[in-house]
Protein backbone atom coordinates (compact mmCIF):
# COMPACT_ATOMS: atom_id res chain seq x y z
CA GLN A 1 119.46 115.01 125.29
CA TYR A 2 123.22 115.03 125.57
CA VAL A 3 124.01 114.30 121.94
CA ILE A 4 126.24 116.74 120.10
CA LYS A 5 126.76 116.23 116.39
CA VAL A 6 130.35 116.74 115.27
CA PRO A 7 130.64 118.89 112.11
CA LYS A 8 131.87 117.21 108.91
CA LYS A 9 134.97 119.44 108.71
CA VAL A 10 136.01 118.41 112.21
CA ARG A 11 135.43 114.70 111.45
CA LYS A 12 137.52 114.95 108.26
CA ALA A 13 140.28 116.81 110.10
CA ALA A 14 140.37 114.14 112.83
CA LEU A 15 140.53 111.37 110.21
CA ARG A 16 143.37 113.20 108.43
CA MET A 17 145.27 113.57 111.71
CA ALA A 18 144.83 109.88 112.62
CA LEU A 19 146.04 108.76 109.17
CA THR A 20 149.00 111.16 109.35
CA ASP A 21 149.94 109.78 112.75
CA LYS A 22 149.97 106.20 111.41
CA LEU A 23 152.05 107.31 108.42
CA GLN A 24 154.61 109.17 110.56
CA ASN A 25 154.97 106.21 112.93
CA GLU A 26 155.37 103.84 109.95
CA LYS A 27 152.25 101.91 110.93
CA LEU A 28 150.43 102.53 107.64
CA ILE A 29 151.03 99.78 105.09
CA VAL A 30 149.68 100.11 101.54
CA ILE A 31 148.95 96.85 99.74
CA ASP A 32 147.94 96.36 96.10
CA SER A 33 145.27 93.81 96.92
CA PHE A 34 144.41 91.83 100.01
CA SER A 35 142.70 88.76 98.56
CA PHE A 36 142.98 85.09 99.40
CA PRO A 37 142.41 82.18 97.01
CA GLU A 38 140.58 80.17 99.67
CA ILE A 39 138.90 80.62 103.04
CA LYS A 40 141.58 79.59 105.55
CA THR A 41 142.04 81.34 108.89
CA LYS A 42 145.41 79.65 109.35
CA ALA A 43 146.73 81.05 106.05
CA PHE A 44 145.43 84.51 106.98
CA VAL A 45 147.14 84.44 110.39
CA GLU A 46 150.42 83.30 108.80
CA ALA A 47 150.23 86.16 106.30
CA MET A 48 149.62 88.68 109.08
CA ARG A 49 152.44 87.25 111.22
CA ARG A 50 154.89 87.93 108.38
CA PHE A 51 154.24 91.63 108.98
CA ASP A 52 154.96 91.15 112.70
CA VAL A 53 151.80 92.89 113.92
CA ARG A 54 149.97 92.69 117.24
CA THR A 55 146.70 94.26 116.11
CA ALA A 56 145.66 95.32 112.64
CA LEU A 57 142.91 97.17 110.82
CA ILE A 58 142.51 96.20 107.16
CA VAL A 59 140.72 98.68 104.90
CA ALA A 60 139.52 97.22 101.61
CA ASP A 61 137.97 98.95 98.63
CA GLN A 62 135.58 96.09 97.91
CA MET A 63 134.85 93.43 100.51
CA ASP A 64 136.41 90.12 99.51
CA GLU A 65 134.39 87.19 100.85
CA ASN A 66 137.48 85.01 101.38
CA LEU A 67 139.28 87.77 103.28
CA ASP A 68 136.21 88.48 105.40
CA LYS A 69 135.61 84.86 106.34
CA SER A 70 139.32 84.10 106.87
CA SER A 71 139.73 86.99 109.29
CA ARG A 72 136.42 86.63 111.12
CA ASN A 73 137.79 84.43 113.94
CA VAL A 74 140.95 86.47 114.50
CA PRO A 75 140.27 88.76 117.49
CA TRP A 76 143.22 91.11 116.87
CA VAL A 77 142.23 91.95 113.28
CA LYS A 78 139.32 93.95 111.91
CA VAL A 79 138.44 94.13 108.21
CA MET A 80 136.27 96.95 106.92
CA ARG A 81 135.39 98.78 103.74
CA ARG A 82 136.76 102.26 103.16
CA GLU A 83 133.34 103.85 103.73
CA GLY A 84 133.34 102.63 107.32
CA LEU A 85 136.77 104.03 108.17
CA ASN A 86 136.71 106.02 111.40
CA VAL A 87 139.13 107.62 113.85
CA TYR A 88 138.30 105.25 116.70
CA ASP A 89 139.29 102.12 114.76
CA ILE A 90 142.43 103.76 113.32
CA LEU A 91 143.64 104.61 116.82
CA LYS A 92 142.48 101.34 118.41
CA TYR A 93 144.56 99.08 116.14
CA ASP A 94 148.36 99.30 116.05
CA ASN A 95 148.78 98.78 112.30
CA LEU A 96 146.70 99.98 109.39
CA PHE A 97 146.67 98.04 106.11
CA VAL A 98 145.03 99.86 103.21
CA GLU A 99 144.47 98.57 99.69
CA GLN A 100 145.77 100.90 96.97
CA PRO A 101 142.33 101.57 95.36
CA ALA A 102 140.82 102.29 98.78
CA LEU A 103 143.62 104.73 99.60
CA LYS A 104 142.99 106.72 96.42
CA LYS A 105 139.29 107.04 97.24
CA ILE A 106 140.06 108.02 100.85
CA GLU A 107 142.41 110.73 99.55
CA GLU A 108 139.66 112.04 97.26
CA VAL A 109 137.20 112.26 100.15
CA LEU A 110 139.68 114.00 102.47
CA ALA A 111 141.05 116.42 99.86
């Protein structure tokens, strides 16, 4: 076996460093709520284009069905819940959008 388990402290430190990097490079955008009234991919893409992003990771506190379905066919966007947040996805996507409630819970976990 060539599997090495990374300790929790190291994983948390890596997550902190990745989030700090996004913040310092002004690629971390905090949003009150990322919800859509209807399921429309076109409306979602237009909303994302207003931020002038190439690739984006959206971290939500609770998964919104309209947001999930609207973003499903957009290859340069990934939507995930805060529990699934990982260093790989933070570094893979240029911009990081985080909902305010999710950010507070992420801060609690990393504190």
